[in-house]
Each structure stands twice: as structure tokens, then as C-alpha cells.
């Protein structure tokens, strides 16, 4: 049997390619609102970031999220993203 292909995405903070399931999608909705998308199914333009706060902080500080999402991030939105990341449940290991 052929092994299942694992999709890879690049973290905009640390610039490392990782399996898509290990990353969190940050999405800019069609109405312009920016939020976390832990499931990865919200409509809109997305960018991926690691589950570590350091990667999110680096992506915000270096304006990588602004470039990828094509939107200006206000300090309030940046803080809301940090809070959402802190409140996310831990990643469960996959059963094989």
C-alpha cells in the first residue's frame, strides 16, 4: 500500500516547513477580520504559524503576517492573536 502524503506548510515566523497539522492557520476573513483558525476551514486568505508564542511574536514583529494576509495589524489584533494561541488546546499525537 502506498504511504499517505503529508501536506507541508511553512511557518511565517521561523520559516520552517512542517506538517500542516502541526501549524495553526491565521486567516483574514473576506470582511477584513483577522483571527486564528485551528481547524483550517475558515474562508479567507491564510498564513501558517507554529504553535509557539515565539513564532507568532516574530511573525508580527517582522511584519510577515501583514505581508501574507495583506492587511495592517493593529496592536489590539496582535494581542488578540496571542491570547487565542495561548488558549488553544495542546496538539494530540496522531495514532498510527
PDB file of N, CA and C in Angstrom:
ATOM      1  N   UNK A   1       0.837  -1.175   0.000  1.00  0.00           N
ATOM      2  CA  UNK A   1       0.000   0.000   0.000  1.00  0.00           C
ATOM      3  C   UNK A   1       0.891   1.252   0.000  1.00  0.00           C
ATOM      4  N   UNK A   2       0.498   2.231  -0.768  1.00  0.00           N
ATOM      5  CA  UNK A   2       1.262   3.463  -0.896  1.00  0.00           C
ATOM      6  C   UNK A   2       1.116   4.321   0.367  1.00  0.00           C
ATOM      7  N   UNK A   3       2.225   4.867   0.913  1.00  0.00           N
ATOM      8  CA  UNK A   3       2.095   5.710   2.111  1.00  0.00           C
ATOM      9  C   UNK A   3       1.340   7.007   1.795  1.00  0.00           C
ATOM     10  N   UNK A   4       0.588   7.471   2.785  1.00  0.00           N
ATOM     11  CA  UNK A   4      -0.219   8.675   2.612  1.00  0.00           C
ATOM     12  C   UNK A   4       0.673   9.913   2.581  1.00  0.00           C
ATOM     13  N   UNK A   5       0.414  10.809   1.646  1.00  0.00           N
ATOM     14  CA  UNK A   5       1.183  12.043   1.521  1.00  0.00           C
ATOM     15  C   UNK A   5       0.804  13.006   2.645  1.00  0.00           C
ATOM     16  N   UNK A   6       1.819  13.575   3.294  1.00  0.00           N
ATOM     17  CA  UNK A   6       1.592  14.529   4.374  1.00  0.00           C
ATOM     18  C   UNK A   6       1.831  15.934   3.825  1.00  0.00           C
ATOM     19  N   UNK A   7       0.791  16.792   3.796  1.00  0.00           N
ATOM     20  CA  UNK A   7       0.984  18.150   3.277  1.00  0.00           C
ATOM     21  C   UNK A   7       1.864  18.979   4.206  1.00  0.00           C
ATOM     22  N   UNK A   8       2.788  19.738   3.621  1.00  0.00           N
ATOM     23  CA  UNK A   8       3.688  20.598   4.383  1.00  0.00           C
ATOM     24  C   UNK A   8       3.315  22.055   4.159  1.00  0.00           C
ATOM     25  N   UNK A   9       3.495  22.867   5.194  1.00  0.00           N
ATOM     26  CA  UNK A   9       3.299  24.309   5.110  1.00  0.00           C
ATOM     27  C   UNK A   9       4.475  24.975   5.814  1.00  0.00           C
ATOM     28  N   UNK A  10       4.770  26.229   5.436  1.00  0.00           N
ATOM     29  CA  UNK A  10       5.873  26.957   6.039  1.00  0.00           C
ATOM     30  C   UNK A  10       5.355  27.936   7.084  1.00  0.00           C
ATOM     31  N   UNK A  11       5.980  27.912   8.247  1.00  0.00           N
ATOM     32  CA  UNK A  11       5.660  28.856   9.312  1.00  0.00           C
ATOM     33  C   UNK A  11       6.203  30.223   8.906  1.00  0.00           C
ATOM     34  N   UNK A  12       5.380  31.275   9.000  1.00  0.00           N
ATOM     35  CA  UNK A  12       5.837  32.615   8.625  1.00  0.00           C
ATOM     36  C   UNK A  12       6.742  33.226   9.683  1.00  0.00           C
ATOM     37  N   UNK A  13       6.811  32.612  10.864  1.00  0.00           N
ATOM     38  CA  UNK A  13       7.675  33.107  11.929  1.00  0.00           C
ATOM     39  C   UNK A  13       9.088  32.568  11.821  1.00  0.00           C
ATOM     40  N   UNK A  14       9.228  31.239  11.880  1.00  0.00           N
ATOM     41  CA  UNK A  14      10.557  30.623  11.868  1.00  0.00           C
ATOM     42  C   UNK A  14      10.981  30.163  10.475  1.00  0.00           C
ATOM     43  N   UNK A  15      10.095  30.217   9.499  1.00  0.00           N
ATOM     44  CA  UNK A  15      10.374  29.858   8.100  1.00  0.00           C
ATOM     45  C   UNK A  15      10.724  28.388   7.919  1.00  0.00           C
ATOM     46  N   UNK A  16      10.243  27.514   8.815  1.00  0.00           N
ATOM     47  CA  UNK A  16      10.475  26.081   8.703  1.00  0.00           C
ATOM     48  C   UNK A  16       9.245  25.414   8.103  1.00  0.00           C
ATOM     49  N   UNK A  17       9.477  24.432   7.228  1.00  0.00           N
ATOM     50  CA  UNK A  17       8.380  23.644   6.683  1.00  0.00           C
ATOM     51  C   UNK A  17       8.060  22.518   7.646  1.00  0.00           C
ATOM     52  N   UNK A  18       6.792  22.419   7.995  1.00  0.00           N
ATOM     53  CA  UNK A  18       6.336  21.408   8.942  1.00  0.00           C
ATOM     54  C   UNK A  18       5.031  20.818   8.425  1.00  0.00           C
ATOM     55  N   UNK A  19       4.646  19.639   8.947  1.00  0.00           N
ATOM     56  CA  UNK A  19       3.335  19.089   8.561  1.00  0.00           C
ATOM     57  C   UNK A  19       2.213  20.072   8.903  1.00  0.00           C
ATOM     58  N   UNK A  20       1.251  20.155   8.018  1.00  0.00           N
ATOM     59  CA  UNK A  20       0.161  21.113   8.143  1.00  0.00           C
ATOM     60  C   UNK A  20      -0.574  20.985   9.485  1.00  0.00           C
ATOM     61  N   UNK A  21      -0.710  19.779   9.993  1.00  0.00           N
ATOM     62  CA  UNK A  21      -1.439  19.545  11.245  1.00  0.00           C
ATOM     63  C   UNK A  21      -0.726  20.123  12.459  1.00  0.00           C
ATOM     64  N   UNK A  22       0.588  20.356  12.360  1.00  0.00           N
ATOM     65  CA  UNK A  22       1.348  20.898  13.494  1.00  0.00           C
ATOM     66  C   UNK A  22       1.281  22.426  13.560  1.00  0.00           C
ATOM     67  N   UNK A  23       0.752  23.057  12.529  1.00  0.00           N
ATOM     68  CA  UNK A  23       0.710  24.513  12.455  1.00  0.00           C
ATOM     69  C   UNK A  23      -0.706  25.027  12.667  1.00  0.00           C
ATOM     70  N   UNK A  24      -0.796  26.300  12.993  1.00  0.00           N
ATOM     71  CA  UNK A  24      -2.087  26.973  13.162  1.00  0.00           C
ATOM     72  C   UNK A  24      -2.242  27.963  12.010  1.00  0.00           C
ATOM     73  N   UNK A  25      -3.424  28.017  11.454  1.00  0.00           N
ATOM     74  CA  UNK A  25      -3.703  28.955  10.368  1.00  0.00           C
ATOM     75  C   UNK A  25      -4.248  30.250  10.954  1.00  0.00           C
ATOM     76  N   UNK A  26      -3.660  31.356  10.519  1.00  0.00           N
ATOM     77  CA  UNK A  26      -4.176  32.686  10.849  1.00  0.00           C
ATOM     78  C   UNK A  26      -4.869  33.156   9.573  1.00  0.00           C
ATOM     79  N   UNK A  27      -6.114  33.589   9.688  1.00  0.00           N
ATOM     80  CA  UNK A  27      -6.897  33.899   8.492  1.00  0.00           C
ATOM     81  C   UNK A  27      -7.432  35.327   8.535  1.00  0.00           C
ATOM     82  N   UNK A  28      -7.423  35.962   7.353  1.00  0.00           N
ATOM     83  CA  UNK A  28      -8.094  37.243   7.176  1.00  0.00           C
ATOM     84  C   UNK A  28      -9.389  36.935   6.432  1.00  0.00           C
ATOM     85  N   UNK A  29     -10.487  37.123   7.115  1.00  0.00           N
ATOM     86  CA  UNK A  29     -11.799  36.829   6.534  1.00  0.00           C
ATOM     87  C   UNK A  29     -12.111  37.830   5.421  1.00  0.00           C
ATOM     88  N   UNK A  30     -13.068  37.506   4.559  1.00  0.00           N
ATOM     89  CA  UNK A  30     -13.438  38.437   3.494  1.00  0.00           C
ATOM     90  C   UNK A  30     -13.863  39.819   3.995  1.00  0.00           C
ATOM     91  N   UNK A  31     -14.359  39.910   5.246  1.00  0.00           N
ATOM     92  CA  UNK A  31     -14.736  41.211   5.793  1.00  0.00           C
ATOM     93  C   UNK A  31     -13.550  41.957   6.396  1.00  0.00           C
ATOM     94  N   UNK A  32     -12.356  41.351   6.401  1.00  0.00           N
ATOM     95  CA  UNK A  32     -11.148  42.014   6.879  1.00  0.00           C
ATOM     96  C   UNK A  32     -10.738  41.649   8.291  1.00  0.00           C
ATOM     97  N   UNK A  33     -11.550  40.877   8.995  1.00  0.00           N
ATOM     98  CA  UNK A  33     -11.226  40.479  10.372  1.00  0.00           C
ATOM     99  C   UNK A  33     -10.129  39.415  10.367  1.00  0.00           C
ATOM    100  N   UNK A  34      -9.154  39.546  11.279  1.00  0.00           N
ATOM    101  CA  UNK A  34      -8.051  38.589  11.391  1.00  0.00           C
ATOM    102  C   UNK A  34      -8.254  37.763  12.653  1.00  0.00           C
ATOM    103  N   UNK A  35      -8.161  36.418  12.506  1.00  0.00           N
ATOM    104  CA  UNK A  35      -8.350  35.537  13.656  1.00  0.00           C
ATOM    105  C   UNK A  35      -7.606  34.220  13.426  1.00  0.00           C
ATOM    106  N   UNK A  36      -7.517  33.426  14.496  1.00  0.00           N
ATOM    107  CA  UNK A  36      -6.929  32.088  14.408  1.00  0.00           C
ATOM    108  C   UNK A  36      -7.965  31.146  13.826  1.00  0.00           C
ATOM    109  N   UNK A  37      -7.472  30.155  13.100  1.00  0.00           N
ATOM    110  CA  UNK A  37      -8.338  29.142  12.505  1.00  0.00           C
ATOM    111  C   UNK A  37      -7.760  27.771  12.833  1.00  0.00           C
ATOM    112  N   UNK A  38      -8.003  27.245  14.040  1.00  0.00           N
ATOM    113  CA  UNK A  38      -7.377  25.978  14.425  1.00  0.00           C
ATOM    114  C   UNK A  38      -7.799  24.789  13.566  1.00  0.00           C
ATOM    115  N   UNK A  39      -8.990  24.841  12.990  1.00  0.00           N
ATOM    116  CA  UNK A  39      -9.462  23.738  12.157  1.00  0.00           C
ATOM    117  C   UNK A  39      -8.931  23.860  10.725  1.00  0.00           C
ATOM    118  N   UNK A  40      -8.670  25.085  10.274  1.00  0.00           N
ATOM    119  CA  UNK A  40      -8.135  25.292   8.933  1.00  0.00           C
ATOM    120  C   UNK A  40      -9.179  25.323   7.845  1.00  0.00           C
ATOM    121  N   UNK A  41     -10.426  25.626   8.185  1.00  0.00           N
ATOM    122  CA  UNK A  41     -11.503  25.590   7.188  1.00  0.00           C
ATOM    123  C   UNK A  41     -12.211  26.923   6.978  1.00  0.00           C
ATOM    124  N   UNK A  42     -11.820  27.963   7.721  1.00  0.00           N
ATOM    125  CA  UNK A  42     -12.486  29.254   7.554  1.00  0.00           C
ATOM    126  C   UNK A  42     -12.158  29.832   6.187  1.00  0.00           C
ATOM    127  N   UNK A  43     -13.114  30.536   5.580  1.00  0.00           N
ATOM    128  CA  UNK A  43     -12.824  31.157   4.283  1.00  0.00           C
ATOM    129  C   UNK A  43     -11.953  32.394   4.461  1.00  0.00           C
ATOM    130  N   UNK A  44     -11.124  32.648   3.484  1.00  0.00           N
ATOM    131  CA  UNK A  44     -10.292  33.843   3.511  1.00  0.00           C
ATOM    132  C   UNK A  44      -8.837  33.526   3.242  1.00  0.00           C
ATOM    133  N   UNK A  45      -8.029  34.566   3.248  1.00  0.00           N
ATOM    134  CA  UNK A  45      -6.596  34.435   2.987  1.00  0.00           C
ATOM    135  C   UNK A  45      -5.902  33.975   4.259  1.00  0.00           C
ATOM    136  N   UNK A  46      -5.036  32.975   4.149  1.00  0.00           N
ATOM    137  CA  UNK A  46      -4.432  32.397   5.338  1.00  0.00           C
ATOM    138  C   UNK A  46      -2.919  32.391   5.327  1.00  0.00           C
ATOM    139  N   UNK A  47      -2.349  32.285   6.510  1.00  0.00           N
ATOM    140  CA  UNK A  47      -0.914  32.122   6.715  1.00  0.00           C
ATOM    141  C   UNK A  47      -0.755  31.164   7.891  1.00  0.00           C
ATOM    142  N   UNK A  48       0.318  30.399   7.877  1.00  0.00           N
ATOM    143  CA  UNK A  48       0.525  29.392   8.912  1.00  0.00           C
ATOM    144  C   UNK A  48       1.619  29.818   9.868  1.00  0.00           C
ATOM    145  N   UNK A  49       1.435  29.464  11.151  1.00  0.00           N
ATOM    146  CA  UNK A  49       2.405  29.795  12.189  1.00  0.00           C
ATOM    147  C   UNK A  49       2.486  28.615  13.163  1.00  0.00           C
ATOM    148  N   UNK A  50       3.672  28.392  13.734  1.00  0.00           N
ATOM    149  CA  UNK A  50       3.862  27.327  14.731  1.00  0.00           C
ATOM    150  C   UNK A  50       3.005  27.607  15.951  1.00  0.00           C
ATOM    151  N   UNK A  51       2.851  26.598  16.771  1.00  0.00           N
ATOM    152  CA  UNK A  51       2.048  26.738  17.992  1.00  0.00           C
ATOM    153  C   UNK A  51       2.812  27.406  19.122  1.00  0.00           C
ATOM    154  N   UNK A  52       4.052  27.853  18.887  1.00  0.00           N
ATOM    155  CA  UNK A  52       4.829  28.534  19.928  1.00  0.00           C
ATOM    156  C   UNK A  52       4.585  30.034  19.841  1.00  0.00           C
ATOM    157  N   UNK A  53       4.516  30.670  20.989  1.00  0.00           N
ATOM    158  CA  UNK A  53       4.291  32.111  21.017  1.00  0.00           C
ATOM    159  C   UNK A  53       5.447  32.864  20.380  1.00  0.00           C
ATOM    160  N   UNK A  54       6.666  32.308  20.478  1.00  0.00           N
ATOM    161  CA  UNK A  54       7.834  32.985  19.910  1.00  0.00           C
ATOM    162  C   UNK A  54       7.706  33.122  18.391  1.00  0.00           C
ATOM    163  N   UNK A  55       7.171  32.122  17.716  1.00  0.00           N
ATOM    164  CA  UNK A  55       6.992  32.201  16.260  1.00  0.00           C
ATOM    165  C   UNK A  55       5.940  33.247  15.892  1.00  0.00           C
ATOM    166  N   UNK A  56       4.847  33.288  16.643  1.00  0.00           N
ATOM    167  CA  UNK A  56       3.809  34.284  16.376  1.00  0.00           C
ATOM    168  C   UNK A  56       4.345  35.689  16.623  1.00  0.00           C
ATOM    169  N   UNK A  57       5.083  35.861  17.710  1.00  0.00           N
ATOM    170  CA  UNK A  57       5.654  37.168  18.031  1.00  0.00           C
ATOM    171  C   UNK A  57       6.623  37.618  16.940  1.00  0.00           C
ATOM    172  N   UNK A  58       7.458  36.693  16.467  1.00  0.00           N
ATOM    173  CA  UNK A  58       8.413  37.029  15.406  1.00  0.00           C
ATOM    174  C   UNK A  58       7.686  37.392  14.113  1.00  0.00           C
ATOM    175  N   UNK A  59       6.639  36.644  13.769  1.00  0.00           N
ATOM    176  CA  UNK A  59       5.882  36.924  12.546  1.00  0.00           C
ATOM    177  C   UNK A  59       5.219  38.298  12.611  1.00  0.00           C
ATOM    178  N   UNK A  60       4.758  38.693  13.799  1.00  0.00           N
ATOM    179  CA  UNK A  60       4.134  40.006  13.959  1.00  0.00           C
ATOM    180  C   UNK A  60       5.200  41.103  13.924  1.00  0.00           C
ATOM    181  N   UNK A  61       6.300  40.891  14.660  1.00  0.00           N
ATOM    182  CA  UNK A  61       7.355  41.898  14.743  1.00  0.00           C
ATOM    183  C   UNK A  61       8.003  42.164  13.381  1.00  0.00           C
ATOM    184  N   UNK A  62       8.236  41.106  12.602  1.00  0.00           N
ATOM    185  CA  UNK A  62       8.862  41.259  11.289  1.00  0.00           C
ATOM    186  C   UNK A  62       7.849  41.577  10.187  1.00  0.00           C
ATOM    187  N   UNK A  63       6.595  41.754  10.576  1.00  0.00           N
ATOM    188  CA  UNK A  63       5.504  42.105   9.662  1.00  0.00           C
ATOM    189  C   UNK A  63       5.254  41.048   8.589  1.00  0.00           C
ATOM    190  N   UNK A  64       5.629  39.798   8.879  1.00  0.00           N
ATOM    191  CA  UNK A  64       5.369  38.714   7.939  1.00  0.00           C
ATOM    192  C   UNK A  64       3.876  38.417   7.827  1.00  0.00           C
ATOM    193  N   UNK A  65       3.168  38.471   8.947  1.00  0.00           N
ATOM    194  CA  UNK A  65       1.719  38.237   8.890  1.00  0.00           C
ATOM    195  C   UNK A  65       1.029  39.322   8.073  1.00  0.00           C
ATOM    196  N   UNK A  66       1.465  40.564   8.230  1.00  0.00           N
ATOM    197  CA  UNK A  66       0.863  41.657   7.455  1.00  0.00           C
ATOM    198  C   UNK A  66       1.071  41.438   5.959  1.00  0.00           C
ATOM    199  N   UNK A  67       2.262  40.999   5.574  1.00  0.00           N
ATOM    200  CA  UNK A  67       2.547  40.761   4.155  1.00  0.00           C
ATOM    201  C   UNK A  67       1.722  39.602   3.609  1.00  0.00           C
ATOM    202  N   UNK A  68       1.682  38.506   4.362  1.00  0.00           N
ATOM    203  CA  UNK A  68       0.972  37.321   3.891  1.00  0.00           C
ATOM    204  C   UNK A  68      -0.537  37.535   3.824  1.00  0.00           C
ATOM    205  N   UNK A  69      -1.078  38.242   4.819  1.00  0.00           N
ATOM    206  CA  UNK A  69      -2.525  38.444   4.869  1.00  0.00           C
ATOM    207  C   UNK A  69      -2.969  39.702   4.135  1.00  0.00           C
ATOM    208  N   UNK A  70      -1.997  40.522   3.724  1.00  0.00           N
ATOM    209  CA  UNK A  70      -2.283  41.768   3.000  1.00  0.00           C
ATOM    210  C   UNK A  70      -3.227  42.675   3.791  1.00  0.00           C
ATOM    211  N   UNK A  71      -2.886  42.888   5.069  1.00  0.00           N
ATOM    212  CA  UNK A  71      -3.699  43.730   5.949  1.00  0.00           C
ATOM    213  C   UNK A  71      -2.789  44.337   7.013  1.00  0.00           C
ATOM    214  N   UNK A  72      -3.149  45.536   7.512  1.00  0.00           N
ATOM    215  CA  UNK A  72      -2.411  46.159   8.603  1.00  0.00           C
ATOM    216  C   UNK A  72      -2.901  45.558   9.920  1.00  0.00           C
ATOM    217  N   UNK A  73      -1.987  45.057  10.749  1.00  0.00           N
ATOM    218  CA  UNK A  73      -2.362  44.521  12.058  1.00  0.00           C
ATOM    219  C   UNK A  73      -2.242  45.609  13.115  1.00  0.00           C
ATOM    220  N   UNK A  74      -3.309  45.848  13.830  1.00  0.00           N
ATOM    221  CA  UNK A  74      -3.263  46.811  14.937  1.00  0.00           C
ATOM    222  C   UNK A  74      -2.725  46.092  16.170  1.00  0.00           C
ATOM    223  N   UNK A  75      -2.210  46.836  17.152  1.00  0.00           N
ATOM    224  CA  UNK A  75      -1.739  46.192  18.392  1.00  0.00           C
ATOM    225  C   UNK A  75      -2.830  45.382  19.098  1.00  0.00           C
ATOM    226  N   UNK A  76      -4.075  45.816  18.992  1.00  0.00           N
ATOM    227  CA  UNK A  76      -5.176  45.089  19.619  1.00  0.00           C
ATOM    228  C   UNK A  76      -5.376  43.732  18.954  1.00  0.00           C
ATOM    229  N   UNK A  77      -5.304  43.683  17.624  1.00  0.00           N
ATOM    230  CA  UNK A  77      -5.464  42.425  16.895  1.00  0.00           C
ATOM    231  C   UNK A  77      -4.291  41.494  17.204  1.00  0.00           C
ATOM    232  N   UNK A  78      -3.072  42.043  17.256  1.00  0.00           N
ATOM    233  CA  UNK A  78      -1.893  41.238  17.573  1.00  0.00           C
ATOM    234  C   UNK A  78      -2.022  40.613  18.960  1.00  0.00           C
ATOM    235  N   UNK A  79      -2.494  41.381  19.920  1.00  0.00           N
ATOM    236  CA  UNK A  79      -2.678  40.860  21.280  1.00  0.00           C
ATOM    237  C   UNK A  79      -3.777  39.808  21.316  1.00  0.00           C
ATOM    238  N   UNK A  80      -4.843  40.022  20.542  1.00  0.00           N
ATOM    239  CA  UNK A  80      -5.930  39.038  20.478  1.00  0.00           C
ATOM    240  C   UNK A  80      -5.420  37.715  19.895  1.00  0.00           C
ATOM    241  N   UNK A  81      -4.553  37.787  18.892  1.00  0.00           N
ATOM    242  CA  UNK A  81      -3.972  36.569  18.313  1.00  0.00           C
ATOM    243  C   UNK A  81      -3.115  35.840  19.348  1.00  0.00           C
ATOM    244  N   UNK A  82      -2.344  36.583  20.130  1.00  0.00           N
ATOM    245  CA  UNK A  82      -1.522  35.960  21.184  1.00  0.00           C
ATOM    246  C   UNK A  82      -2.410  35.259  22.217  1.00  0.00           C
ATOM    247  N   UNK A  83      -3.513  35.911  22.580  1.00  0.00           N
ATOM    248  CA  UNK A  83      -4.443  35.312  23.550  1.00  0.00           C
ATOM    249  C   UNK A  83      -5.078  34.041  22.989  1.00  0.00           C
ATOM    250  N   UNK A  84      -5.484  34.083  21.723  1.00  0.00           N
ATOM    251  CA  UNK A  84      -6.091  32.905  21.092  1.00  0.00           C
ATOM    252  C   UNK A  84      -5.106  31.746  21.054  1.00  0.00           C
ATOM    253  N   UNK A  85      -3.833  32.043  20.723  1.00  0.00           N
ATOM    254  CA  UNK A  85      -2.810  30.995  20.670  1.00  0.00           C
ATOM    255  C   UNK A  85      -2.592  30.398  22.051  1.00  0.00           C
ATOM    256  N   UNK A  86      -2.578  31.226  23.089  1.00  0.00           N
ATOM    257  CA  UNK A  86      -2.379  30.734  24.449  1.00  0.00           C
ATOM    258  C   UNK A  86      -3.547  29.853  24.906  1.00  0.00           C
ATOM    259  N   UNK A  87      -4.748  30.108  24.396  1.00  0.00           N
ATOM    260  CA  UNK A  87      -5.931  29.354  24.823  1.00  0.00           C
ATOM    261  C   UNK A  87      -6.197  28.101  23.992  1.00  0.00           C
ATOM    262  N   UNK A  88      -5.385  27.860  22.963  1.00  0.00           N
ATOM    263  CA  UNK A  88      -5.597  26.672  22.135  1.00  0.00           C
ATOM    264  C   UNK A  88      -5.197  25.412  22.890  1.00  0.00           C
ATOM    265  N   UNK A  89      -5.925  24.319  22.691  1.00  0.00           N
ATOM    266  CA  UNK A  89      -5.516  23.054  23.347  1.00  0.00           C
ATOM    267  C   UNK A  89      -4.223  22.537  22.731  1.00  0.00           C
ATOM    268  N   UNK A  90      -3.534  21.711  23.487  1.00  0.00           N
ATOM    269  CA  UNK A  90      -2.275  21.125  23.012  1.00  0.00           C
ATOM    270  C   UNK A  90      -2.553  20.174  21.845  1.00  0.00           C
ATOM    271  N   UNK A  91      -1.545  20.008  21.003  1.00  0.00           N
ATOM    272  CA  UNK A  91      -1.655  19.124  19.837  1.00  0.00           C
ATOM    273  C   UNK A  91      -1.628  17.672  20.304  1.00  0.00           C
ATOM    274  N   UNK A  92      -2.624  16.893  19.867  1.00  0.00           N
ATOM    275  CA  UNK A  92      -2.657  15.484  20.228  1.00  0.00           C
ATOM    276  C   UNK A  92      -1.773  14.698  19.270  1.00  0.00           C
ATOM    277  N   UNK A  93      -1.006  13.722  19.773  1.00  0.00           N
ATOM    278  CA  UNK A  93      -0.214  12.900  18.857  1.00  0.00           C
ATOM    279  C   UNK A  93      -1.126  12.027  18.012  1.00  0.00           C
ATOM    280  N   UNK A  94      -0.740  11.829  16.754  1.00  0.00           N
ATOM    281  CA  UNK A  94      -1.563  11.038  15.838  1.00  0.00           C
ATOM    282  C   UNK A  94      -1.403   9.567  16.108  1.00  0.00           C
ATOM    283  N   UNK A  95      -2.481   8.837  16.056  1.00  0.00           N
ATOM    284  CA  UNK A  95      -2.436   7.389  16.200  1.00  0.00           C
ATOM    285  C   UNK A  95      -2.151   6.768  14.846  1.00  0.00           C
ATOM    286  N   UNK A  96      -1.231   5.835  14.818  1.00  0.00           N
ATOM    287  CA  UNK A  96      -0.923   5.152  13.548  1.00  0.00           C
ATOM    288  C   UNK A  96      -1.168   3.697  13.638  1.00  0.00           C
TER     289      UNK A  96
END
